[in-house]
N, C-alpha and C. Protein backbone atom coordinates (compact mmCIF):
# COMPACT_ATOMS: atom_id res chain seq x y z
N MET A 1 104.48 105.62 132.27
CA MET A 1 104.97 105.65 131.26
C MET A 1 103.50 105.15 130.07
N LEU A 2 102.62 104.05 130.68
CA LEU A 2 101.55 103.86 129.79
C LEU A 2 100.50 105.11 129.90
N MET A 3 100.71 106.12 131.01
CA MET A 3 99.78 106.91 130.92
C MET A 3 100.36 108.18 129.53
N LEU A 4 101.54 108.18 129.72
CA LEU A 4 102.21 109.43 128.70
C LEU A 4 101.89 108.72 127.20
N ALA A 5 102.10 107.43 127.08
CA ALA A 5 101.62 106.70 125.84
C ALA A 5 99.94 106.82 125.32
N LEU A 6 99.47 106.72 126.57
CA LEU A 6 97.86 107.02 126.22
C LEU A 6 97.90 108.32 125.93
N LEU A 7 97.90 109.15 126.52
CA LEU A 7 97.89 110.74 126.39
C LEU A 7 98.32 111.15 124.88
N THR A 8 99.33 110.68 124.41
CA THR A 8 100.16 110.99 123.27
C THR A 8 99.41 110.32 122.00
N TYR A 9 98.88 109.31 122.20
CA TYR A 9 97.85 108.48 121.46
C TYR A 9 96.72 109.44 121.30
N LEU A 10 96.18 109.49 122.33
CA LEU A 10 94.66 110.62 122.39
C LEU A 10 94.92 111.94 121.69
N SER A 11 96.17 112.48 122.14
CA SER A 11 96.21 113.84 121.20
C SER A 11 96.48 113.79 119.97
N VAL A 12 97.17 112.91 119.30
CA VAL A 12 97.35 112.51 117.68
C VAL A 12 96.00 112.34 116.97
N GLY A 13 95.29 111.18 118.00
CA GLY A 13 93.84 111.12 117.36
C GLY A 13 92.99 112.09 117.16
N ALA A 14 93.04 113.12 118.43
CA ALA A 14 92.23 114.14 118.32
C ALA A 14 92.75 115.08 117.18
N GLN A 15 94.06 115.35 117.14
CA GLN A 15 94.34 116.24 115.84
C GLN A 15 93.92 115.67 114.65
N VAL A 16 94.08 114.31 114.18
CA VAL A 16 93.53 113.75 113.18
C VAL A 16 92.04 113.91 112.79
N THR A 17 91.22 113.65 113.83
CA THR A 17 90.15 113.91 113.64
C THR A 17 89.20 115.06 113.65
N GLN A 18 90.01 116.28 114.12
CA GLN A 18 89.83 117.71 113.98
C GLN A 18 90.27 118.23 112.87
N GLU A 19 90.88 117.79 111.79
CA GLU A 19 91.41 118.24 110.78
C GLU A 19 90.06 118.19 109.53
N ASN A 20 90.14 119.27 108.68
CA ASN A 20 89.11 119.42 107.60
C ASN A 20 89.66 118.36 106.47
N ARG A 21 88.84 117.30 106.34
CA ARG A 21 89.36 116.36 105.21
C ARG A 21 88.48 116.55 103.81
N ASN A 22 87.93 117.54 103.84
CA ASN A 22 87.30 118.30 102.86
C ASN A 22 87.89 119.26 102.17
N LEU A 23 88.92 118.95 101.22
CA LEU A 23 89.88 119.84 100.61
C LEU A 23 89.47 120.53 99.56
N VAL A 24 89.79 121.80 99.29
CA VAL A 24 89.52 122.53 98.25
C VAL A 24 90.63 122.78 97.64
N PHE A 25 91.09 122.25 96.47
CA PHE A 25 92.30 122.55 95.76
C PHE A 25 92.53 123.58 94.83
N ASP A 26 93.48 124.27 94.36
CA ASP A 26 93.34 125.17 93.24
C ASP A 26 94.99 124.63 92.67
N ARG A 27 94.96 125.49 91.55
CA ARG A 27 96.59 125.07 90.40
C ARG A 27 97.53 125.14 91.26
N SER A 28 97.91 125.95 92.21
CA SER A 28 99.14 125.91 93.25
C SER A 28 99.30 124.53 94.08
N ASP A 29 98.03 124.19 94.46
CA ASP A 29 98.51 122.94 95.23
C ASP A 29 98.95 122.07 94.20
N LEU A 30 98.49 121.73 93.20
CA LEU A 30 99.03 120.84 92.14
C LEU A 30 100.68 121.10 91.87
N ARG A 31 100.86 122.39 91.86
CA ARG A 31 102.38 122.77 91.44
C ARG A 31 103.23 122.56 92.46
N ILE A 32 102.57 122.73 93.66
CA ILE A 32 103.64 122.44 95.22
C ILE A 32 103.91 121.03 95.20
N ILE A 33 102.97 120.02 94.92
CA ILE A 33 103.40 118.61 95.08
C ILE A 33 104.14 118.17 94.04
N GLU A 34 103.90 118.60 92.81
CA GLU A 34 104.79 118.39 91.69
C GLU A 34 106.21 119.08 92.04
N ARG A 35 106.29 120.15 92.52
CA ARG A 35 107.71 120.73 92.74
C ARG A 35 108.35 119.88 93.67
N ALA A 36 107.77 119.62 94.69
CA ALA A 36 108.23 118.37 95.69
C ALA A 36 108.77 117.37 95.24
N ASP A 37 108.03 116.66 94.33
CA ASP A 37 108.60 115.48 93.59
C ASP A 37 109.77 115.55 92.99
N SER A 38 109.58 116.87 92.15
CA SER A 38 111.06 116.93 91.46
C SER A 38 112.11 117.30 92.28
N ILE A 39 111.86 118.07 93.14
CA ILE A 39 112.85 118.16 94.39
C ILE A 39 113.57 117.04 94.88
N LEU A 40 112.85 115.97 95.06
CA LEU A 40 113.16 114.73 95.55
C LEU A 40 113.30 113.77 94.43
N SER A 41 114.12 114.30 93.52
CA SER A 41 114.19 113.42 92.12
C SER A 41 114.90 112.27 92.11
N ASP A 42 115.86 112.08 93.42
CA ASP A 42 116.34 110.73 93.31
C ASP A 42 116.86 110.26 94.96
N PRO A 43 117.15 109.50 95.40
CA PRO A 43 117.42 108.98 96.74
C PRO A 43 118.30 109.81 97.29
N SER A 44 119.36 110.45 96.34
CA SER A 44 120.61 111.16 97.08
C SER A 44 120.02 112.43 97.62
N LYS A 45 118.98 112.91 97.24
CA LYS A 45 118.36 114.19 97.48
C LYS A 45 117.30 114.03 98.66
N TRP A 46 117.27 112.98 99.11
CA TRP A 46 116.19 112.65 100.40
C TRP A 46 116.88 112.62 101.70
N SER A 47 116.47 113.37 102.50
CA SER A 47 116.94 113.29 103.97
C SER A 47 116.26 112.52 105.07
N LYS A 48 116.74 111.46 105.63
CA LYS A 48 115.87 110.71 106.79
C LYS A 48 116.23 111.09 107.88
N GLN A 49 116.57 112.30 108.13
CA GLN A 49 116.73 112.94 109.39
C GLN A 49 116.10 114.37 109.53
N ASP A 50 114.62 114.27 109.30
CA ASP A 50 113.78 115.48 109.36
C ASP A 50 113.65 116.03 110.92
N ASP A 51 113.89 117.11 111.13
CA ASP A 51 113.92 117.86 112.26
C ASP A 51 112.67 118.98 112.31
N ARG A 52 112.05 119.29 111.24
CA ARG A 52 111.00 120.31 110.87
C ARG A 52 111.88 121.33 110.68
N GLU A 53 113.07 121.70 110.57
CA GLU A 53 113.81 122.79 110.56
C GLU A 53 114.41 122.59 109.01
N CYS A 54 113.93 123.59 107.97
CA CYS A 54 114.41 123.69 106.72
C CYS A 54 115.53 124.21 106.24
N SER A 55 115.85 125.08 107.02
CA SER A 55 117.12 125.75 106.39
C SER A 55 118.35 125.03 105.95
N ASP A 56 118.69 124.32 107.12
CA ASP A 56 119.70 123.26 106.55
C ASP A 56 119.72 122.50 105.44
N ASP A 57 118.28 121.82 105.12
CA ASP A 57 118.20 121.00 103.90
C ASP A 57 118.05 121.90 102.77
N ILE A 58 117.81 123.02 102.91
CA ILE A 58 117.63 123.79 101.72
C ILE A 58 119.36 124.10 101.36
N GLU A 59 120.04 124.60 102.36
CA GLU A 59 121.27 124.69 102.02
C GLU A 59 122.07 123.42 101.74
N LYS A 60 121.81 122.43 102.00
CA LYS A 60 122.56 121.16 101.43
C LYS A 60 121.91 120.65 100.18
N ALA A 61 120.62 121.13 100.16
CA ALA A 61 119.78 120.44 98.79
C ALA A 61 119.86 118.99 98.95
N LYS A 62 119.23 118.58 100.36
CA LYS A 62 119.03 117.33 100.56
C LYS A 62 117.75 117.51 101.80
N TYR A 63 116.69 116.99 100.97
CA TYR A 63 115.46 117.66 101.51
C TYR A 63 114.60 116.09 102.38
N SER A 64 113.90 116.51 103.40
CA SER A 64 113.00 115.45 104.23
C SER A 64 111.92 115.81 103.28
N LEU A 65 110.74 114.86 103.27
CA LEU A 65 109.29 115.17 102.86
C LEU A 65 108.91 116.32 103.24
N TYR A 66 109.04 116.56 104.32
CA TYR A 66 108.32 117.85 104.88
C TYR A 66 108.96 119.41 104.13
N CYS A 67 110.42 119.17 104.39
CA CYS A 67 111.15 120.36 103.92
C CYS A 67 111.17 120.39 102.17
N ALA A 68 110.83 119.43 101.55
CA ALA A 68 110.53 119.50 100.11
C ALA A 68 109.21 120.23 99.95
N LEU A 69 108.44 119.88 100.79
CA LEU A 69 107.02 120.67 100.58
C LEU A 69 107.13 122.00 101.12
N TYR A 70 108.23 122.11 102.10
CA TYR A 70 108.04 123.42 102.47
C TYR A 70 108.66 124.29 101.55
N LYS A 71 109.77 123.78 101.05
CA LYS A 71 110.53 124.43 99.81
C LYS A 71 109.57 124.93 98.52
N ALA A 72 109.02 123.87 98.21
CA ALA A 72 107.90 124.02 97.12
C ALA A 72 107.01 125.01 97.26
N SER A 73 106.50 124.90 98.50
CA SER A 73 105.55 125.98 98.84
C SER A 73 106.10 127.62 98.51
N ILE A 74 107.19 127.38 99.10
CA ILE A 74 108.09 128.94 98.95
C ILE A 74 108.19 129.07 97.49
N ASP A 75 108.68 128.01 96.74
CA ASP A 75 109.04 128.12 95.36
C ASP A 75 107.46 128.52 94.65
N ILE A 76 106.82 128.11 94.83
CA ILE A 76 105.38 128.46 93.98
C ILE A 76 104.49 129.13 94.40
N SER A 77 104.47 129.50 95.68
CA SER A 77 103.44 130.68 96.09
C SER A 77 104.11 131.85 97.06
N GLY A 78 105.29 131.71 97.38
CA GLY A 78 105.89 132.75 98.23
C GLY A 78 106.17 132.73 99.20
N GLU A 79 105.01 131.43 100.04
CA GLU A 79 104.59 131.47 101.26
C GLU A 79 104.60 129.96 101.73
N TYR A 80 104.80 129.56 102.97
CA TYR A 80 104.22 128.26 103.47
C TYR A 80 103.06 128.50 104.25
N VAL A 81 102.21 127.65 103.95
CA VAL A 81 100.98 127.43 105.08
C VAL A 81 100.99 126.30 105.27
N HIS A 82 101.06 125.81 106.42
CA HIS A 82 101.03 124.53 107.15
C HIS A 82 100.02 123.46 106.93
N ARG A 83 98.63 124.01 106.90
CA ARG A 83 97.64 123.27 106.83
C ARG A 83 96.87 123.66 105.28
N LYS A 84 97.71 124.03 104.34
CA LYS A 84 97.41 124.24 102.88
C LYS A 84 97.03 122.68 102.51
N ALA A 85 95.93 123.02 101.32
CA ALA A 85 95.42 121.51 100.95
C ALA A 85 96.54 120.74 100.32
N ALA A 86 97.60 121.27 99.65
CA ALA A 86 98.52 120.42 99.16
C ALA A 86 99.51 119.79 100.47
N MET A 87 99.61 120.07 101.44
CA MET A 87 100.16 119.83 102.71
C MET A 87 99.35 118.23 103.06
N GLN A 88 98.05 118.86 103.09
CA GLN A 88 97.36 117.90 103.96
C GLN A 88 96.75 116.96 103.01
N VAL A 89 96.68 116.88 101.78
CA VAL A 89 96.34 115.66 100.81
C VAL A 89 97.68 114.86 101.06
N VAL A 90 99.14 115.63 101.12
CA VAL A 90 100.14 114.13 101.12
C VAL A 90 100.07 113.70 102.55
N ARG A 91 99.87 114.46 103.76
CA ARG A 91 99.56 113.82 105.16
C ARG A 91 98.53 112.80 105.18
N PHE A 92 97.16 113.07 104.64
CA PHE A 92 96.38 112.00 104.52
C PHE A 92 96.59 110.84 103.58
N THR A 93 97.57 110.96 102.47
CA THR A 93 97.49 110.05 101.41
C THR A 93 98.74 109.25 102.51
N LEU A 94 99.76 109.67 102.88
CA LEU A 94 100.60 108.61 103.91
C LEU A 94 100.00 107.99 104.82
N GLU A 95 98.81 108.23 105.60
CA GLU A 95 98.31 107.47 106.36
C GLU A 95 97.82 106.24 105.90
N LYS A 96 97.86 105.77 104.75
CA LYS A 96 97.36 104.65 104.08
C LYS A 96 98.71 103.65 104.30
N TYR A 97 99.91 104.37 104.25
CA TYR A 97 101.22 103.66 104.65
C TYR A 97 101.82 103.74 106.11
N GLU A 98 100.77 104.35 106.90
CA GLU A 98 101.66 104.89 108.24
C GLU A 98 102.07 103.34 109.21
N ALA A 99 101.18 102.38 109.03
CA ALA A 99 101.69 101.32 109.77
C ALA A 99 102.20 101.38 110.81
N GLY A 100 101.76 102.08 111.89
CA GLY A 100 102.34 102.44 113.24
C GLY A 100 103.61 103.24 113.27
N ARG A 101 104.07 103.77 112.26
CA ARG A 101 105.39 104.85 112.24
C ARG A 101 105.04 106.07 112.66
N VAL A 102 103.86 106.62 112.82
CA VAL A 102 103.71 108.00 113.33
C VAL A 102 103.45 108.22 114.93
N LYS A 103 103.99 108.89 115.33
CA LYS A 103 103.64 109.04 116.98
C LYS A 103 103.25 110.55 117.17
N GLU A 104 103.74 111.71 116.45
CA GLU A 104 103.34 113.33 116.94
C GLU A 104 103.18 113.64 115.52
N HIS A 105 104.20 113.76 114.79
CA HIS A 105 104.21 114.62 113.64
C HIS A 105 104.20 113.83 111.86
N ARG A 106 103.18 113.76 111.77
CA ARG A 106 103.16 112.64 110.27
C ARG A 106 104.21 112.77 109.30
N LEU A 107 104.45 113.88 108.89
CA LEU A 107 105.39 114.09 107.89
C LEU A 107 106.62 113.88 108.33
N MET A 108 107.09 114.26 109.36
CA MET A 108 108.47 113.81 110.04
C MET A 108 108.56 112.66 110.57
N ASP A 109 107.69 111.94 111.21
CA ASP A 109 107.49 110.28 111.86
C ASP A 109 107.95 109.51 110.80
N TRP A 110 107.04 109.85 109.82
CA TRP A 110 106.91 108.82 108.68
C TRP A 110 108.07 108.88 108.11
N ASN A 111 108.45 109.98 107.71
CA ASN A 111 110.02 110.32 106.87
C ASN A 111 111.24 109.71 107.47
N ASN A 112 111.11 109.90 108.86
CA ASN A 112 112.25 109.20 109.53
C ASN A 112 112.47 107.64 109.99
N HIS A 113 111.10 107.26 109.59
CA HIS A 113 110.80 105.72 110.30
C HIS A 113 111.91 105.03 109.35
N PRO A 114 112.42 103.95 109.92
CA PRO A 114 113.24 103.00 109.12
C PRO A 114 112.69 102.27 108.11
N ASP A 115 111.40 101.98 108.56
CA ASP A 115 110.75 101.03 107.32
C ASP A 115 110.07 102.01 106.21
N THR A 116 110.40 103.06 106.34
CA THR A 116 109.98 104.08 105.17
C THR A 116 110.93 104.30 103.90
N SER A 117 110.55 103.77 102.85
CA SER A 117 111.77 103.90 101.61
C SER A 117 111.45 105.06 100.76
N PHE A 118 112.36 105.38 100.00
CA PHE A 118 112.20 106.35 98.89
C PHE A 118 111.11 106.10 98.16
N ASP A 119 111.14 104.84 97.56
CA ASP A 119 110.12 104.44 96.41
C ASP A 119 108.78 104.52 97.08
N GLU A 120 108.55 104.29 98.33
CA GLU A 120 107.32 104.49 99.11
C GLU A 120 107.08 106.12 99.25
N MET A 121 107.84 106.70 99.86
CA MET A 121 107.81 108.41 99.69
C MET A 121 107.54 109.05 98.63
N LYS A 122 108.24 108.29 97.32
CA LYS A 122 107.60 108.68 95.85
C LYS A 122 106.18 108.18 95.76
N LYS A 123 105.55 107.29 96.00
CA LYS A 123 104.44 106.55 95.60
C LYS A 123 103.51 107.63 96.31
N VAL A 124 103.80 108.00 97.42
CA VAL A 124 102.70 108.89 98.17
C VAL A 124 102.87 110.35 97.58
N LEU A 125 103.70 110.72 97.25
CA LEU A 125 103.77 112.17 96.37
C LEU A 125 103.07 111.74 95.02
N LYS A 126 103.21 110.88 94.07
CA LYS A 126 102.34 110.65 93.14
C LYS A 126 100.78 110.35 93.40
N GLU A 127 100.70 109.81 94.34
CA GLU A 127 99.53 109.52 94.70
C GLU A 127 98.53 110.64 94.95
N SER A 128 99.36 111.53 95.92
CA SER A 128 98.86 113.10 96.11
C SER A 128 98.63 113.88 94.76
N ILE A 129 99.54 113.50 94.03
CA ILE A 129 99.54 114.72 92.81
C ILE A 129 97.94 113.99 91.99
N GLU A 130 97.95 112.77 91.89
CA GLU A 130 97.00 112.13 90.92
C GLU A 130 95.37 112.50 91.70
N GLU A 131 95.40 112.45 93.22
CA GLU A 131 94.21 113.21 93.95
C GLU A 131 93.89 114.58 93.56
N VAL A 132 95.15 115.43 93.55
CA VAL A 132 94.69 116.79 93.40
C VAL A 132 94.25 116.82 91.82
N ARG A 133 94.95 116.20 90.78
CA ARG A 133 94.46 116.36 89.34
C ARG A 133 93.11 115.96 89.24
N SER A 134 92.61 114.93 89.80
CA SER A 134 91.30 114.44 89.82
C SER A 134 90.28 115.18 90.46
N LYS A 135 90.60 115.80 91.24
CA LYS A 135 89.88 116.74 91.94
C LYS A 135 89.61 118.21 91.38
N LEU A 136 90.65 118.51 90.35
CA LEU A 136 90.70 119.71 89.82
C LEU A 136 90.08 119.78 88.26
N ARG A 137 89.86 118.84 87.99
CA ARG A 137 88.90 118.06 86.52
C ARG A 137 87.46 118.64 86.69
């Protein structure tokens, strides 16, 4: 069990350190995050049961953070790109609030964790929007 935990930790740590953190944004990145923020307009629209399968979220109009970003990507650019700068800035922003909540998938694990609140999730989106805006100036 200890070995499995160590391997998981090393795998997640390697994934994070291998990511490009020098993001280059365009207007669509800003629009995607703003759209995700509007999709998650109130707590009744937020799903705490993310499974990274978004068709049911879209059907029910109740979205996890990941699926709101997925839907926003489709709405704005017509496609979903997993490592697009818009997605990455949200992942990097939530790391400030991670506090041991993430084991494997940042967006899913953090979204589903009992300590993650709607207000905190909205804060991550707002900070991500501000980060993109500041880089686009």
